Amino acid sequence: MSAPGADEETPVSSVRPDARSGNTFAGDVWVNFKRWNLKAVRNPFVLVVSLVQPIIFLVLFTEVFGNVAGGAVNQGLPGISYETYLVPAIAIQVALAAAITSGVGLVNDIENGMFEKVLVTPMNRTAVFLGKTAAEVFRIAVQIAIILGLGVLLGAEIVTGIVGAGGIVVVGILFSLWFVAFSNALAILTRDQESTIIGANLLQFPLLFLSSAFLPLEALPGWIQTFARFNPVTYGVDAARSLMIDQDVMTVIDVSWFDGVLNGVAPGVAVLIGLDIVLGGLAVYLLSRASSSDVK
């Protein structure tokens, strides 16, 4: 046992100097970023599954429903092919599907005891969450880029070119952040892999189909239009679609503060950032409350 007053007399820098030197906020973020990317590389099945499902949707919807849905699209957006219309929705779907795996990964850490080990380290818990999120955002960005490339091969046109493609990736990342936070919060609350998967997947398809993702909002029943106005997918898809076709196609918020396409992008981005802040804060709060004593 140390003598009384030892903690006050012993300089912090003299205790484990090598650990303190590497225990910066940025260092903690970097360590977790590397760890989660390595974990993903060692288990590529999850990455493949989260990418294959949207690819199937892209191919099937364009081939099976292209002619019918294309007619509805052309009524509001003449000259726009259904492939071009659909690709931004699939990009958002990729972000949604990949974000679901975030909570599953955290549950795996909880079940194998790794989460408990992380909690008792001197790492900043906000940095732990940010590093994990950064790794997932990196993979989501790569997956969205793959979808955009495949869409172009299938006949879609990114009217705004490389800049627009980069903007779509950014919108997809902003969209993914709130669901990454949600799935991690769900993982901390349930601490059960099946419950996390069911809870996240239960939202995925209603969010996608009760939005402007696959058909113009005016072509949908009235009750779906009402739901879509409060659906984050609508804001993400409309912002990405505006960048895709270089037109303001925001269907739920009418903004005229900017010139052209920005009127369709800015409202969606603003809504997504708000969701990211609220749910990200919730996830960090739940993570900060977690302690090794109550993680089984």
C-alpha atoms as a PDB file:
ATOM      1  CA  MET A   1       0.000   0.000   0.000  1.00  0.00           C
ATOM      2  CA  SER A   2       1.351   3.400  -0.888  1.00  0.00           C
ATOM      3  CA  ALA A   3       1.966   6.010   1.767  1.00  0.00           C
ATOM      4  CA  PRO A   4      -0.642   8.757   2.327  1.00  0.00           C
ATOM      5  CA  GLY A   5      -0.192  11.653  -0.021  1.00  0.00           C
ATOM      6  CA  ALA A   6       1.797   9.571  -2.508  1.00  0.00           C
ATOM      7  CA  ASP A   7      -0.696  10.283  -5.275  1.00  0.00           C
ATOM      8  CA  GLU A   8      -0.357  14.030  -4.752  1.00  0.00           C
ATOM      9  CA  GLU A   9       3.434  13.934  -4.544  1.00  0.00           C
ATOM     10  CA  THR A  10       4.066  11.651  -7.487  1.00  0.00           C
ATOM     11  CA  PRO A  11       4.050  13.528 -10.814  1.00  0.00           C
ATOM     12  CA  VAL A  12       1.577  12.100 -13.330  1.00  0.00           C
ATOM     13  CA  SER A  13       4.274  12.065 -15.974  1.00  0.00           C
ATOM     14  CA  SER A  14       6.435   9.714 -13.847  1.00  0.00           C
ATOM     15  CA  VAL A  15       3.756   7.019 -13.841  1.00  0.00           C
ATOM     16  CA  ARG A  16       4.031   4.728 -16.882  1.00  0.00           C
ATOM     17  CA  PRO A  17       5.651   7.450 -19.025  1.00  0.00           C
ATOM     18  CA  ASP A  18       5.467   5.385 -22.178  1.00  0.00           C
ATOM     19  CA  ALA A  19       1.717   4.801 -21.727  1.00  0.00           C
ATOM     20  CA  ARG A  20       1.046   8.460 -21.003  1.00  0.00           C
ATOM     21  CA  SER A  21       2.959   9.621 -24.065  1.00  0.00           C
ATOM     22  CA  GLY A  22       0.796   7.499 -26.340  1.00  0.00           C
ATOM     23  CA  ASN A  23      -2.448   8.066 -24.485  1.00  0.00           C
ATOM     24  CA  THR A  24      -3.566  11.191 -26.321  1.00  0.00           C
ATOM     25  CA  PHE A  25      -7.093  11.613 -27.640  1.00  0.00           C
ATOM     26  CA  ALA A  26      -5.859  11.396 -31.256  1.00  0.00           C
ATOM     27  CA  GLY A  27      -3.744   8.366 -30.353  1.00  0.00           C
ATOM     28  CA  ASP A  28      -6.741   6.601 -28.836  1.00  0.00           C
ATOM     29  CA  VAL A  29      -8.794   7.326 -31.965  1.00  0.00           C
ATOM     30  CA  TRP A  30      -6.008   5.974 -34.184  1.00  0.00           C
ATOM     31  CA  VAL A  31      -5.555   2.788 -32.147  1.00  0.00           C
ATOM     32  CA  ASN A  32      -9.262   1.985 -32.350  1.00  0.00           C
ATOM     33  CA  PHE A  33      -9.413   2.920 -36.043  1.00  0.00           C
ATOM     34  CA  LYS A  34      -6.657   0.404 -36.807  1.00  0.00           C
ATOM     35  CA  ARG A  35      -8.130  -2.294 -34.574  1.00  0.00           C
ATOM     36  CA  TRP A  36     -11.575  -2.212 -36.173  1.00  0.00           C
ATOM     37  CA  ASN A  37     -10.175  -2.155 -39.700  1.00  0.00           C
ATOM     38  CA  LEU A  38      -7.967  -5.151 -38.923  1.00  0.00           C
ATOM     39  CA  LYS A  39     -10.968  -6.919 -37.430  1.00  0.00           C
ATOM     40  CA  ALA A  40     -12.944  -6.274 -40.619  1.00  0.00           C
ATOM     41  CA  VAL A  41     -10.128  -7.560 -42.835  1.00  0.00           C
ATOM     42  CA  ARG A  42      -9.936 -10.750 -40.800  1.00  0.00           C
ATOM     43  CA  ASN A  43     -13.688 -11.276 -41.174  1.00  0.00           C
ATOM     44  CA  PRO A  44     -14.537 -10.146 -44.730  1.00  0.00           C
ATOM     45  CA  PHE A  45     -17.826 -12.063 -44.761  1.00  0.00           C
ATOM     46  CA  VAL A  46     -19.656  -9.213 -43.002  1.00  0.00           C
ATOM     47  CA  LEU A  47     -18.306  -6.680 -45.496  1.00  0.00           C
ATOM     48  CA  VAL A  48     -19.317  -8.810 -48.450  1.00  0.00           C
ATOM     49  CA  VAL A  49     -22.850  -9.409 -47.130  1.00  0.00           C
ATOM     50  CA  SER A  50     -23.458  -5.710 -46.450  1.00  0.00           C
ATOM     51  CA  LEU A  51     -22.407  -4.926 -50.033  1.00  0.00           C
ATOM     52  CA  VAL A  52     -24.017  -7.845 -51.885  1.00  0.00           C
ATOM     53  CA  GLN A  53     -27.579  -7.086 -50.751  1.00  0.00           C
ATOM     54  CA  PRO A  54     -27.596  -3.533 -52.201  1.00  0.00           C
ATOM     55  CA  ILE A  55     -25.986  -4.806 -55.416  1.00  0.00           C
ATOM     56  CA  ILE A  56     -28.795  -7.343 -55.771  1.00  0.00           C
ATOM     57  CA  PHE A  57     -31.334  -4.555 -55.247  1.00  0.00           C
ATOM     58  CA  LEU A  58     -29.601  -2.402 -57.867  1.00  0.00           C
ATOM     59  CA  VAL A  59     -29.571  -5.132 -60.509  1.00  0.00           C
ATOM     60  CA  LEU A  60     -33.045  -6.518 -59.788  1.00  0.00           C
ATOM     61  CA  PHE A  61     -34.816  -3.167 -59.532  1.00  0.00           C
ATOM     62  CA  THR A  62     -33.302  -1.862 -62.761  1.00  0.00           C
ATOM     63  CA  GLU A  63     -33.977  -5.078 -64.655  1.00  0.00           C
ATOM     64  CA  VAL A  64     -37.379  -6.067 -63.212  1.00  0.00           C
ATOM     65  CA  PHE A  65     -38.995  -2.717 -62.390  1.00  0.00           C
ATOM     66  CA  GLY A  66     -37.010  -0.431 -64.661  1.00  0.00           C
ATOM     67  CA  ASN A  67     -39.660   0.002 -67.332  1.00  0.00           C
ATOM     68  CA  VAL A  68     -42.590   0.544 -64.960  1.00  0.00           C
ATOM     69  CA  ALA A  69     -40.751   2.698 -62.426  1.00  0.00           C
ATOM     70  CA  GLY A  70     -38.935   4.547 -65.202  1.00  0.00           C
ATOM     71  CA  GLY A  71     -42.265   5.831 -66.494  1.00  0.00           C
ATOM     72  CA  ALA A  72     -43.124   7.305 -63.098  1.00  0.00           C
ATOM     73  CA  VAL A  73     -39.680   8.904 -62.872  1.00  0.00           C
ATOM     74  CA  ASN A  74     -39.936  10.471 -66.317  1.00  0.00           C
ATOM     75  CA  GLN A  75     -43.206  12.191 -65.429  1.00  0.00           C
ATOM     76  CA  GLY A  76     -41.402  14.335 -62.901  1.00  0.00           C
ATOM     77  CA  LEU A  77     -37.831  14.180 -64.232  1.00  0.00           C
ATOM     78  CA  PRO A  78     -37.899  13.930 -68.016  1.00  0.00           C
ATOM     79  CA  GLY A  79     -34.837  12.392 -69.580  1.00  0.00           C
ATOM     80  CA  ILE A  80     -33.587  10.765 -66.378  1.00  0.00           C
ATOM     81  CA  SER A  81     -33.134   6.987 -66.636  1.00  0.00           C
ATOM     82  CA  TYR A  82     -34.263   4.767 -63.794  1.00  0.00           C
ATOM     83  CA  GLU A  83     -30.654   3.582 -63.337  1.00  0.00           C
ATOM     84  CA  THR A  84     -29.582   7.164 -62.691  1.00  0.00           C
ATOM     85  CA  TYR A  85     -32.544   7.722 -60.389  1.00  0.00           C
ATOM     86  CA  LEU A  86     -31.933   4.521 -58.412  1.00  0.00           C
ATOM     87  CA  VAL A  87     -28.164   4.631 -57.796  1.00  0.00           C
ATOM     88  CA  PRO A  88     -28.307   7.330 -55.059  1.00  0.00           C
ATOM     89  CA  ALA A  89     -30.915   5.246 -53.212  1.00  0.00           C
ATOM     90  CA  ILE A  90     -28.695   2.176 -53.380  1.00  0.00           C
ATOM     91  CA  ALA A  91     -25.769   4.256 -52.101  1.00  0.00           C
ATOM     92  CA  ILE A  92     -27.871   5.185 -49.067  1.00  0.00           C
ATOM     93  CA  GLN A  93     -28.928   1.550 -48.683  1.00  0.00           C
ATOM     94  CA  VAL A  94     -25.255   0.532 -48.589  1.00  0.00           C
ATOM     95  CA  ALA A  95     -24.662   3.060 -45.810  1.00  0.00           C
ATOM     96  CA  LEU A  96     -27.665   1.716 -43.904  1.00  0.00           C
ATOM     97  CA  ALA A  97     -26.723  -1.963 -44.293  1.00  0.00           C
ATOM     98  CA  ALA A  98     -23.081  -1.359 -43.362  1.00  0.00           C
ATOM     99  CA  ALA A  99     -24.070   0.717 -40.322  1.00  0.00           C
ATOM    100  CA  ILE A 100     -26.057  -2.225 -38.955  1.00  0.00           C
ATOM    101  CA  THR A 101     -22.862  -4.297 -38.695  1.00  0.00           C
ATOM    102  CA  SER A 102     -21.362  -1.661 -36.383  1.00  0.00           C
ATOM    103  CA  GLY A 103     -23.548  -2.655 -33.443  1.00  0.00           C
ATOM    104  CA  VAL A 104     -23.015  -6.346 -34.199  1.00  0.00           C
ATOM    105  CA  GLY A 105     -19.254  -5.821 -33.952  1.00  0.00           C
ATOM    106  CA  LEU A 106     -19.645  -4.108 -30.591  1.00  0.00           C
ATOM    107  CA  VAL A 107     -21.795  -6.979 -29.285  1.00  0.00           C
ATOM    108  CA  ASN A 108     -19.061  -9.415 -30.351  1.00  0.00           C
ATOM    109  CA  ASP A 109     -16.589  -7.372 -28.306  1.00  0.00           C
ATOM    110  CA  ILE A 110     -18.926  -7.493 -25.318  1.00  0.00           C
ATOM    111  CA  GLU A 111     -19.461 -11.252 -25.608  1.00  0.00           C
ATOM    112  CA  ASN A 112     -15.775 -12.146 -25.933  1.00  0.00           C
ATOM    113  CA  GLY A 113     -14.686  -9.813 -23.128  1.00  0.00           C
ATOM    114  CA  MET A 114     -12.795  -7.334 -25.297  1.00  0.00           C
ATOM    115  CA  PHE A 115     -15.195  -4.505 -24.472  1.00  0.00           C
ATOM    116  CA  GLU A 116     -14.539  -4.992 -20.752  1.00  0.00           C
ATOM    117  CA  LYS A 117     -10.801  -4.816 -21.358  1.00  0.00           C
ATOM    118  CA  VAL A 118     -11.183  -1.579 -23.321  1.00  0.00           C
ATOM    119  CA  LEU A 119     -13.250  -0.021 -20.532  1.00  0.00           C
ATOM    120  CA  VAL A 120     -10.539  -0.542 -17.913  1.00  0.00           C
ATOM    121  CA  THR A 121      -7.797   0.999 -20.074  1.00  0.00           C
ATOM    122  CA  PRO A 122      -6.951   4.713 -19.732  1.00  0.00           C
ATOM    123  CA  MET A 123      -8.315   5.354 -23.231  1.00  0.00           C
ATOM    124  CA  ASN A 124     -10.844   8.159 -23.615  1.00  0.00           C
ATOM    125  CA  ARG A 125     -14.241   6.548 -24.215  1.00  0.00           C
ATOM    126  CA  THR A 126     -15.299   9.189 -26.700  1.00  0.00           C
ATOM    127  CA  ALA A 127     -12.090   8.451 -28.627  1.00  0.00           C
ATOM    128  CA  VAL A 128     -12.932   4.737 -28.501  1.00  0.00           C
ATOM    129  CA  PHE A 129     -16.287   5.393 -30.146  1.00  0.00           C
ATOM    130  CA  LEU A 130     -14.841   7.878 -32.670  1.00  0.00           C
ATOM    131  CA  GLY A 131     -12.077   5.483 -33.718  1.00  0.00           C
ATOM    132  CA  LYS A 132     -14.539   2.657 -34.211  1.00  0.00           C
ATOM    133  CA  THR A 133     -16.882   4.948 -36.144  1.00  0.00           C
ATOM    134  CA  ALA A 134     -14.049   6.288 -38.321  1.00  0.00           C
ATOM    135  CA  ALA A 135     -13.099   2.756 -39.326  1.00  0.00           C
ATOM    136  CA  GLU A 136     -16.670   1.981 -40.289  1.00  0.00           C
ATOM    137  CA  VAL A 137     -17.067   5.274 -42.158  1.00  0.00           C
ATOM    138  CA  PHE A 138     -13.944   4.475 -44.171  1.00  0.00           C
ATOM    139  CA  ARG A 139     -15.361   1.112 -45.224  1.00  0.00           C
ATOM    140  CA  ILE A 140     -18.762   2.647 -46.008  1.00  0.00           C
ATOM    141  CA  ALA A 141     -17.113   5.250 -48.243  1.00  0.00           C
ATOM    142  CA  VAL A 142     -15.336   2.492 -50.191  1.00  0.00           C
ATOM    143  CA  GLN A 143     -18.560   0.515 -50.562  1.00  0.00           C
ATOM    144  CA  ILE A 144     -20.505   3.543 -51.816  1.00  0.00           C
ATOM    145  CA  ALA A 145     -17.753   4.231 -54.355  1.00  0.00           C
ATOM    146  CA  ILE A 146     -18.105   0.632 -55.583  1.00  0.00           C
ATOM    147  CA  ILE A 147     -21.884   1.066 -55.975  1.00  0.00           C
ATOM    148  CA  LEU A 148     -21.403   4.302 -57.944  1.00  0.00           C
ATOM    149  CA  GLY A 149     -18.937   2.589 -60.257  1.00  0.00           C
ATOM    150  CA  LEU A 150     -21.257  -0.370 -60.775  1.00  0.00           C
ATOM    151  CA  GLY A 151     -24.164   1.987 -61.412  1.00  0.00           C
ATOM    152  CA  VAL A 152     -22.226   3.764 -64.153  1.00  0.00           C
ATOM    153  CA  LEU A 153     -21.457   0.380 -65.737  1.00  0.00           C
ATOM    154  CA  LEU A 154     -25.201  -0.401 -65.718  1.00  0.00           C
ATOM    155  CA  GLY A 155     -26.007   2.834 -67.520  1.00  0.00           C
ATOM    156  CA  ALA A 156     -26.424   5.415 -64.755  1.00  0.00           C
ATOM    157  CA  GLU A 157     -25.021   8.895 -65.305  1.00  0.00           C
ATOM    158  CA  ILE A 158     -23.468  11.090 -62.630  1.00  0.00           C
ATOM    159  CA  VAL A 159     -24.229  14.432 -64.241  1.00  0.00           C
ATOM    160  CA  THR A 160     -22.040  16.363 -61.814  1.00  0.00           C
ATOM    161  CA  GLY A 161     -19.017  14.144 -62.507  1.00  0.00           C
ATOM    162  CA  ILE A 162     -16.278  13.324 -60.005  1.00  0.00           C
ATOM    163  CA  VAL A 163     -17.221  16.220 -57.730  1.00  0.00           C
ATOM    164  CA  GLY A 164     -20.799  14.998 -57.561  1.00  0.00           C
ATOM    165  CA  ALA A 165     -19.659  11.432 -56.920  1.00  0.00           C
ATOM    166  CA  GLY A 166     -17.536  12.666 -54.027  1.00  0.00           C
ATOM    167  CA  GLY A 167     -20.513  14.618 -52.713  1.00  0.00           C
ATOM    168  CA  ILE A 168     -22.697  11.492 -52.828  1.00  0.00           C
ATOM    169  CA  VAL A 169     -20.074   9.616 -50.807  1.00  0.00           C
ATOM    170  CA  VAL A 170     -20.079  12.430 -48.222  1.00  0.00           C
ATOM    171  CA  VAL A 171     -23.891  12.397 -48.012  1.00  0.00           C
ATOM    172  CA  GLY A 172     -23.786   8.613 -47.581  1.00  0.00           C
ATOM    173  CA  ILE A 173     -21.281   8.987 -44.739  1.00  0.00           C
ATOM    174  CA  LEU A 174     -23.395  11.638 -43.017  1.00  0.00           C
ATOM    175  CA  PHE A 175     -26.407   9.373 -43.378  1.00  0.00           C
ATOM    176  CA  SER A 176     -24.555   6.356 -41.973  1.00  0.00           C
ATOM    177  CA  LEU A 177     -23.349   8.128 -38.832  1.00  0.00           C
ATOM    178  CA  TRP A 178     -26.739   8.367 -37.138  1.00  0.00           C
ATOM    179  CA  PHE A 179     -27.489   4.694 -37.778  1.00  0.00           C
ATOM    180  CA  VAL A 180     -23.990   3.655 -36.675  1.00  0.00           C
ATOM    181  CA  ALA A 181     -24.695   5.491 -33.423  1.00  0.00           C
ATOM    182  CA  PHE A 182     -28.140   3.887 -33.170  1.00  0.00           C
ATOM    183  CA  SER A 183     -26.848   0.342 -33.712  1.00  0.00           C
ATOM    184  CA  ASN A 184     -24.055   0.865 -31.144  1.00  0.00           C
ATOM    185  CA  ALA A 185     -26.535   2.259 -28.621  1.00  0.00           C
ATOM    186  CA  LEU A 186     -28.738  -0.768 -29.268  1.00  0.00           C
ATOM    187  CA  ALA A 187     -25.749  -3.060 -28.737  1.00  0.00           C
ATOM    188  CA  ILE A 188     -24.894  -1.439 -25.396  1.00  0.00           C
ATOM    189  CA  LEU A 189     -28.502  -1.643 -24.228  1.00  0.00           C
ATOM    190  CA  THR A 190     -29.208  -5.227 -25.333  1.00  0.00           C
ATOM    191  CA  ARG A 191     -25.715  -6.753 -25.171  1.00  0.00           C
ATOM    192  CA  ASP A 192     -27.107  -9.512 -27.330  1.00  0.00           C
ATOM    193  CA  GLN A 193     -26.173 -10.142 -30.965  1.00  0.00           C
ATOM    194  CA  GLU A 194     -29.548 -11.478 -32.085  1.00  0.00           C
ATOM    195  CA  SER A 195     -31.464  -8.618 -30.467  1.00  0.00           C
ATOM    196  CA  THR A 196     -29.161  -6.050 -32.066  1.00  0.00           C
ATOM    197  CA  ILE A 197     -29.486  -7.605 -35.526  1.00  0.00           C
ATOM    198  CA  ILE A 198     -33.273  -7.955 -35.255  1.00  0.00           C
ATOM    199  CA  GLY A 199     -33.721  -4.441 -33.896  1.00  0.00           C
ATOM    200  CA  ALA A 200     -31.588  -2.831 -36.600  1.00  0.00           C
ATOM    201  CA  ASN A 201     -32.980  -4.931 -39.459  1.00  0.00           C
ATOM    202  CA  LEU A 202     -36.520  -4.284 -38.272  1.00  0.00           C
ATOM    203  CA  LEU A 203     -35.991  -0.636 -39.205  1.00  0.00           C
ATOM    204  CA  GLN A 204     -33.977  -1.090 -42.389  1.00  0.00           C
ATOM    205  CA  PHE A 205     -36.655  -2.096 -44.882  1.00  0.00           C
ATOM    206  CA  PRO A 206     -39.489   0.142 -43.611  1.00  0.00           C
ATOM    207  CA  LEU A 207     -37.083   3.079 -43.745  1.00  0.00           C
ATOM    208  CA  LEU A 208     -36.108   2.227 -47.321  1.00  0.00           C
ATOM    209  CA  PHE A 209     -39.523   1.470 -48.774  1.00  0.00           C
ATOM    210  CA  LEU A 210     -41.424   4.196 -46.927  1.00  0.00           C
ATOM    211  CA  SER A 211     -39.323   6.916 -48.539  1.00  0.00           C
ATOM    212  CA  SER A 212     -38.509   8.441 -51.916  1.00  0.00           C
ATOM    213  CA  ALA A 213     -35.781   5.838 -52.478  1.00  0.00           C
ATOM    214  CA  PHE A 214     -37.347   3.747 -55.234  1.00  0.00           C
ATOM    215  CA  LEU A 215     -40.180   5.889 -56.577  1.00  0.00           C
ATOM    216  CA  PRO A 216     -40.978   9.617 -56.657  1.00  0.00           C
ATOM    217  CA  LEU A 217     -42.877  10.710 -53.575  1.00  0.00           C
ATOM    218  CA  GLU A 218     -45.903  11.866 -55.585  1.00  0.00           C
ATOM    219  CA  ALA A 219     -46.291   8.354 -57.018  1.00  0.00           C
ATOM    220  CA  LEU A 220     -46.707   6.837 -53.546  1.00  0.00           C
ATOM    221  CA  PRO A 221     -49.902   6.535 -51.433  1.00  0.00           C
ATOM    222  CA  GLY A 222     -50.709   9.464 -49.184  1.00  0.00           C
ATOM    223  CA  TRP A 223     -49.894   7.703 -45.904  1.00  0.00           C
ATOM    224  CA  ILE A 224     -46.454   6.735 -47.218  1.00  0.00           C
ATOM    225  CA  GLN A 225     -45.845  10.326 -48.292  1.00  0.00           C
ATOM    226  CA  THR A 226     -46.654  11.454 -44.741  1.00  0.00           C
ATOM    227  CA  PHE A 227     -44.246   8.936 -43.222  1.00  0.00           C
ATOM    228  CA  ALA A 228     -41.551   9.766 -45.802  1.00  0.00           C
ATOM    229  CA  ARG A 229     -41.521  13.406 -44.714  1.00  0.00           C
ATOM    230  CA  PHE A 230     -40.186  12.296 -41.315  1.00  0.00           C
ATOM    231  CA  ASN A 231     -37.959   9.536 -42.683  1.00  0.00           C
ATOM    232  CA  PRO A 232     -34.168  10.180 -42.634  1.00  0.00           C
ATOM    233  CA  VAL A 233     -33.782   8.029 -45.759  1.00  0.00           C
ATOM    234  CA  THR A 234     -35.805  10.553 -47.763  1.00  0.00           C
ATOM    235  CA  TYR A 235     -33.440  13.380 -46.795  1.00  0.00           C
ATOM    236  CA  GLY A 236     -30.344  11.328 -47.566  1.00  0.00           C
ATOM    237  CA  VAL A 237     -31.657  10.006 -50.875  1.00  0.00           C
ATOM    238  CA  ASP A 238     -32.951  13.387 -52.078  1.00  0.00           C
ATOM    239  CA  ALA A 239     -29.649  15.102 -51.236  1.00  0.00           C
ATOM    240  CA  ALA A 240     -27.627  12.391 -53.015  1.00  0.00           C
ATOM    241  CA  ARG A 241     -30.032  12.353 -55.968  1.00  0.00           C
ATOM    242  CA  SER A 242     -29.764  16.133 -56.353  1.00  0.00           C
ATOM    243  CA  LEU A 243     -26.006  15.710 -56.682  1.00  0.00           C
ATOM    244  CA  MET A 244     -26.462  12.789 -59.073  1.00  0.00           C
ATOM    245  CA  ILE A 245     -28.631  14.621 -61.611  1.00  0.00           C
ATOM    246  CA  ASP A 246     -27.582  18.232 -60.870  1.00  0.00           C
ATOM    247  CA  GLN A 247     -31.135  19.300 -59.995  1.00  0.00           C
ATOM    248  CA  ASP A 248     -32.991  20.243 -56.847  1.00  0.00           C
ATOM    249  CA  VAL A 249     -35.147  17.187 -56.154  1.00  0.00           C
ATOM    250  CA  MET A 250     -35.654  17.666 -52.411  1.00  0.00           C
ATOM    251  CA  THR A 251     -39.270  16.591 -51.983  1.00  0.00           C
ATOM    252  CA  VAL A 252     -39.958  17.367 -48.327  1.00  0.00           C
ATOM    253  CA  ILE A 253     -38.348  20.775 -47.652  1.00  0.00           C
ATOM    254  CA  ASP A 254     -38.644  23.649 -50.104  1.00  0.00           C
ATOM    255  CA  VAL A 255     -35.532  25.838 -49.858  1.00  0.00           C
ATOM    256  CA  SER A 256     -34.558  28.683 -52.178  1.00  0.00           C
ATOM    257  CA  TRP A 257     -31.625  30.127 -50.251  1.00  0.00           C
ATOM    258  CA  PHE A 258     -28.988  28.829 -52.659  1.00  0.00           C
ATOM    259  CA  ASP A 259     -28.480  28.400 -56.385  1.00  0.00           C
ATOM    260  CA  GLY A 260     -29.714  25.260 -58.122  1.00  0.00           C
ATOM    261  CA  VAL A 261     -28.603  21.911 -56.766  1.00  0.00           C
ATOM    262  CA  LEU A 262     -27.606  23.233 -53.324  1.00  0.00           C
ATOM    263  CA  ASN A 263     -31.274  23.853 -52.559  1.00  0.00           C
ATOM    264  CA  GLY A 264     -31.721  20.090 -52.726  1.00  0.00           C
ATOM    265  CA  VAL A 265     -28.522  19.169 -50.900  1.00  0.00           C
ATOM    266  CA  ALA A 266     -28.362  21.648 -47.999  1.00  0.00           C
ATOM    267  CA  PRO A 267     -31.670  20.719 -46.253  1.00  0.00           C
ATOM    268  CA  GLY A 268     -30.866  17.015 -46.367  1.00  0.00           C
ATOM    269  CA  VAL A 269     -27.341  17.553 -45.058  1.00  0.00           C
ATOM    270  CA  ALA A 270     -28.632  19.790 -42.250  1.00  0.00           C
ATOM    271  CA  VAL A 271     -31.178  17.177 -41.120  1.00  0.00           C
ATOM    272  CA  LEU A 272     -28.602  14.379 -41.223  1.00  0.00           C
ATOM    273  CA  ILE A 273     -26.049  16.392 -39.225  1.00  0.00           C
ATOM    274  CA  GLY A 274     -28.713  17.073 -36.598  1.00  0.00           C
ATOM    275  CA  LEU A 275     -29.501  13.358 -36.331  1.00  0.00           C
ATOM    276  CA  ASP A 276     -25.785  12.528 -36.143  1.00  0.00           C
ATOM    277  CA  ILE A 277     -25.271  14.928 -33.241  1.00  0.00           C
ATOM    278  CA  VAL A 278     -28.297  13.704 -31.257  1.00  0.00           C
ATOM    279  CA  LEU A 279     -27.769   9.958 -31.706  1.00  0.00           C
ATOM    280  CA  GLY A 280     -23.980  10.216 -31.594  1.00  0.00           C
ATOM    281  CA  GLY A 281     -24.272  12.011 -28.269  1.00  0.00           C
ATOM    282  CA  LEU A 282     -26.618   9.301 -27.010  1.00  0.00           C
ATOM    283  CA  ALA A 283     -24.206   6.531 -28.038  1.00  0.00           C
ATOM    284  CA  VAL A 284     -21.245   8.259 -26.368  1.00  0.00           C
ATOM    285  CA  TYR A 285     -23.345   8.825 -23.230  1.00  0.00           C
ATOM    286  CA  LEU A 286     -24.292   5.144 -23.041  1.00  0.00           C
ATOM    287  CA  LEU A 287     -20.692   4.138 -23.684  1.00  0.00           C
ATOM    288  CA  SER A 288     -19.449   6.460 -20.941  1.00  0.00           C
ATOM    289  CA  ARG A 289     -21.945   4.963 -18.498  1.00  0.00           C
ATOM    290  CA  ALA A 290     -20.802   1.438 -19.233  1.00  0.00           C
ATOM    291  CA  SER A 291     -18.413  -0.028 -16.673  1.00  0.00           C
ATOM    292  CA  SER A 292     -16.529  -3.283 -16.402  1.00  0.00           C
ATOM    293  CA  SER A 293     -18.679  -4.271 -13.413  1.00  0.00           C
ATOM    294  CA  ASP A 294     -21.904  -4.428 -15.427  1.00  0.00           C
ATOM    295  CA  VAL A 295     -20.536  -5.826 -18.709  1.00  0.00           C
ATOM    296  CA  LYS A 296     -20.943  -9.579 -18.572  1.00  0.00           C
END
